[in-house]
Structures are given as C-alpha cells and as structure tokens.
Amino acid sequence: MKHTRRAQISQQQPEEYWFNTKTMSVEVGKQDLAIYRIGPFATRKEAENAFQLLRLRSEKWREEDEGESQ
C-alpha cells in the first residue's frame, strides 16, 4: 500500500532537477542539503548548465538595475 501512495504523490508533483555543487552533478529531487543545491530547474539540461544560466540571469538583472538607476 505504501508503494502505491508514493507513486500517487510522485505523479502529482512535477520532477525537479537540481545541480549539486558538492558533487558537481545533477540530482532529481532534493537529495542533499540546500547549501549545495542550485535550482530547481525544469529539465536535466538546464540543471547541467546551472552555472551558465546563473551567469546569464545575473547579467540581465545587473543591466535592469543599471537601467533603473539612470
């Protein structure tokens, strides 16, 4: 009975991908402490490119902030 309940719960929740900075690998779900996780990401590919995505987002936010302060 527990297995069925677990399957129902996992079907209700979308899969999340995280990049673990301690192991430098992608994980499905929260497997390690929050201090080691970057995410969540919608796909494994996004999680694999976590550092690049973070850099791009940071650049975008910086440009937006600079635009607001002028």
N, C-alpha and C. Protein backbone atom coordinates (compact mmCIF):
# COMPACT_ATOMS: atom_id res chain seq x y z
N MET A 1 0.81 -1.19 0.00
CA MET A 1 0.00 0.00 0.00
C MET A 1 0.86 1.27 0.00
N LYS A 2 1.97 1.28 0.72
CA LYS A 2 2.84 2.44 0.76
C LYS A 2 3.40 2.76 -0.62
N HIS A 3 3.77 1.73 -1.38
CA HIS A 3 4.33 1.94 -2.70
C HIS A 3 3.33 2.66 -3.61
N THR A 4 2.08 2.28 -3.54
CA THR A 4 1.04 2.90 -4.35
C THR A 4 0.87 4.36 -3.96
N ARG A 5 0.86 4.66 -2.68
CA ARG A 5 0.71 6.04 -2.20
C ARG A 5 1.89 6.88 -2.68
N ARG A 6 3.09 6.35 -2.59
CA ARG A 6 4.28 7.07 -3.02
C ARG A 6 4.21 7.35 -4.52
N ALA A 7 3.73 6.41 -5.29
CA ALA A 7 3.59 6.59 -6.74
C ALA A 7 2.58 7.68 -7.04
N GLN A 8 1.48 7.74 -6.28
CA GLN A 8 0.48 8.77 -6.49
C GLN A 8 1.05 10.14 -6.18
N ILE A 9 1.80 10.26 -5.11
CA ILE A 9 2.40 11.54 -4.74
C ILE A 9 3.38 11.99 -5.81
N SER A 10 4.23 11.10 -6.29
CA SER A 10 5.22 11.48 -7.29
C SER A 10 4.57 11.87 -8.61
N GLN A 11 3.42 11.31 -8.92
CA GLN A 11 2.72 11.68 -10.15
C GLN A 11 2.12 13.08 -10.03
N GLN A 12 1.77 13.48 -8.83
CA GLN A 12 1.16 14.79 -8.62
C GLN A 12 2.20 15.91 -8.66
N GLN A 13 3.41 15.64 -8.25
CA GLN A 13 4.44 16.66 -8.17
C GLN A 13 5.34 16.57 -9.41
N PRO A 14 5.59 17.71 -10.05
CA PRO A 14 6.48 17.68 -11.21
C PRO A 14 7.92 17.37 -10.78
N GLU A 15 8.65 16.72 -11.65
CA GLU A 15 10.05 16.41 -11.36
C GLU A 15 10.86 17.69 -11.35
N GLU A 16 11.72 17.83 -10.36
CA GLU A 16 12.60 18.99 -10.27
C GLU A 16 14.03 18.50 -10.37
N TYR A 17 14.84 19.26 -11.09
CA TYR A 17 16.25 18.94 -11.25
C TYR A 17 17.06 20.00 -10.52
N TRP A 18 18.06 19.54 -9.82
CA TRP A 18 18.93 20.42 -9.03
C TRP A 18 20.37 20.14 -9.42
N PHE A 19 21.22 21.17 -9.37
CA PHE A 19 22.65 20.96 -9.56
C PHE A 19 23.29 21.00 -8.19
N ASN A 20 24.04 19.95 -7.87
CA ASN A 20 24.69 19.82 -6.57
C ASN A 20 26.13 20.33 -6.70
N THR A 21 26.44 21.41 -5.99
CA THR A 21 27.78 22.00 -6.10
C THR A 21 28.84 21.20 -5.33
N LYS A 22 28.42 20.33 -4.44
CA LYS A 22 29.36 19.49 -3.71
C LYS A 22 29.82 18.31 -4.58
N THR A 23 28.87 17.69 -5.26
CA THR A 23 29.21 16.54 -6.11
C THR A 23 29.40 16.93 -7.57
N MET A 24 29.04 18.18 -7.90
CA MET A 24 29.11 18.70 -9.27
C MET A 24 28.32 17.82 -10.24
N SER A 25 27.13 17.43 -9.78
CA SER A 25 26.27 16.59 -10.62
C SER A 25 24.82 17.00 -10.47
N VAL A 26 24.01 16.53 -11.42
CA VAL A 26 22.58 16.82 -11.42
C VAL A 26 21.86 15.77 -10.58
N GLU A 27 20.89 16.23 -9.80
CA GLU A 27 20.07 15.34 -8.98
C GLU A 27 18.61 15.56 -9.32
N VAL A 28 17.84 14.51 -9.20
CA VAL A 28 16.39 14.61 -9.36
C VAL A 28 15.80 14.67 -7.97
N GLY A 29 15.15 15.77 -7.66
CA GLY A 29 14.61 15.96 -6.32
C GLY A 29 15.67 16.49 -5.37
N LYS A 30 15.23 16.79 -4.16
CA LYS A 30 16.12 17.34 -3.14
C LYS A 30 16.83 16.20 -2.43
N GLN A 31 18.07 15.95 -2.82
CA GLN A 31 18.80 14.83 -2.26
C GLN A 31 19.88 15.24 -1.27
N ASP A 32 20.28 16.49 -1.28
CA ASP A 32 21.35 16.94 -0.40
C ASP A 32 20.92 18.24 0.29
N LEU A 33 21.75 18.74 1.16
CA LEU A 33 21.45 19.97 1.89
C LEU A 33 21.27 21.14 0.92
N ALA A 34 20.43 22.08 1.31
CA ALA A 34 20.12 23.24 0.47
C ALA A 34 21.37 24.04 0.11
N ILE A 35 22.36 24.09 0.99
CA ILE A 35 23.56 24.89 0.71
C ILE A 35 24.34 24.35 -0.48
N TYR A 36 24.10 23.12 -0.88
CA TYR A 36 24.81 22.52 -2.00
C TYR A 36 23.98 22.50 -3.28
N ARG A 37 22.71 22.94 -3.22
CA ARG A 37 21.83 22.81 -4.37
C ARG A 37 21.59 24.14 -5.07
N ILE A 38 21.60 24.10 -6.40
CA ILE A 38 21.19 25.22 -7.23
C ILE A 38 19.96 24.75 -8.00
N GLY A 39 18.90 25.54 -7.94
CA GLY A 39 17.70 25.15 -8.66
C GLY A 39 16.47 25.58 -7.90
N PRO A 40 15.35 25.05 -8.26
CA PRO A 40 15.16 23.91 -9.16
C PRO A 40 15.12 24.33 -10.62
N PHE A 41 15.39 23.38 -11.48
CA PHE A 41 15.31 23.55 -12.92
C PHE A 41 14.25 22.61 -13.47
N ALA A 42 13.66 22.99 -14.57
CA ALA A 42 12.59 22.20 -15.17
C ALA A 42 13.11 20.97 -15.90
N THR A 43 14.35 21.05 -16.40
CA THR A 43 14.91 19.94 -17.17
C THR A 43 16.32 19.60 -16.69
N ARG A 44 16.73 18.40 -17.01
CA ARG A 44 18.09 17.97 -16.68
C ARG A 44 19.11 18.86 -17.40
N LYS A 45 18.82 19.20 -18.65
CA LYS A 45 19.73 20.02 -19.46
C LYS A 45 19.96 21.38 -18.80
N GLU A 46 18.89 22.00 -18.31
CA GLU A 46 19.03 23.28 -17.61
C GLU A 46 19.91 23.12 -16.38
N ALA A 47 19.70 22.08 -15.62
CA ALA A 47 20.49 21.85 -14.41
C ALA A 47 21.95 21.61 -14.75
N GLU A 48 22.22 20.92 -15.85
CA GLU A 48 23.60 20.68 -16.28
C GLU A 48 24.30 22.00 -16.61
N ASN A 49 23.53 22.98 -17.05
CA ASN A 49 24.08 24.29 -17.41
C ASN A 49 23.81 25.33 -16.33
N ALA A 50 23.72 24.91 -15.10
CA ALA A 50 23.34 25.79 -13.99
C ALA A 50 24.23 27.02 -13.88
N PHE A 51 25.54 26.85 -13.95
CA PHE A 51 26.43 27.99 -13.78
C PHE A 51 26.28 28.99 -14.92
N GLN A 52 26.12 28.52 -16.14
CA GLN A 52 25.93 29.41 -17.28
C GLN A 52 24.60 30.15 -17.16
N LEU A 53 23.54 29.44 -16.78
CA LEU A 53 22.24 30.09 -16.62
C LEU A 53 22.27 31.14 -15.52
N LEU A 54 22.94 30.84 -14.42
CA LEU A 54 23.04 31.82 -13.33
C LEU A 54 23.81 33.06 -13.77
N ARG A 55 24.88 32.85 -14.54
CA ARG A 55 25.66 33.98 -15.04
C ARG A 55 24.81 34.86 -15.95
N LEU A 56 24.07 34.24 -16.87
CA LEU A 56 23.22 34.99 -17.79
C LEU A 56 22.13 35.75 -17.04
N ARG A 57 21.51 35.11 -16.06
CA ARG A 57 20.47 35.78 -15.28
C ARG A 57 21.04 36.95 -14.49
N SER A 58 22.23 36.76 -13.91
CA SER A 58 22.87 37.83 -13.15
C SER A 58 23.18 39.02 -14.04
N GLU A 59 23.67 38.75 -15.25
CA GLU A 59 23.96 39.84 -16.18
C GLU A 59 22.69 40.60 -16.54
N LYS A 60 21.61 39.88 -16.77
CA LYS A 60 20.32 40.50 -17.11
C LYS A 60 19.84 41.37 -15.96
N TRP A 61 19.91 40.85 -14.73
CA TRP A 61 19.46 41.62 -13.56
C TRP A 61 20.31 42.87 -13.36
N ARG A 62 21.63 42.73 -13.58
CA ARG A 62 22.52 43.87 -13.43
C ARG A 62 22.17 44.95 -14.45
N GLU A 63 21.93 44.55 -15.69
CA GLU A 63 21.55 45.50 -16.74
C GLU A 63 20.22 46.19 -16.40
N GLU A 64 19.26 45.43 -15.87
CA GLU A 64 17.98 46.01 -15.48
C GLU A 64 18.16 47.01 -14.34
N ASP A 65 19.00 46.65 -13.35
CA ASP A 65 19.25 47.54 -12.22
C ASP A 65 19.94 48.83 -12.69
N GLU A 66 20.89 48.70 -13.59
CA GLU A 66 21.59 49.87 -14.10
C GLU A 66 20.65 50.77 -14.89
N GLY A 67 19.72 50.16 -15.62
CA GLY A 67 18.73 50.92 -16.38
C GLY A 67 17.78 51.68 -15.48
N GLU A 68 17.44 51.11 -14.35
CA GLU A 68 16.53 51.76 -13.40
C GLU A 68 17.18 52.90 -12.67
N SER A 69 18.49 52.81 -12.44
CA SER A 69 19.17 53.84 -11.65
C SER A 69 19.57 55.06 -12.49
N GLN A 70 19.37 55.00 -13.78
CA GLN A 70 19.77 56.14 -14.62
C GLN A 70 18.67 57.12 -14.79
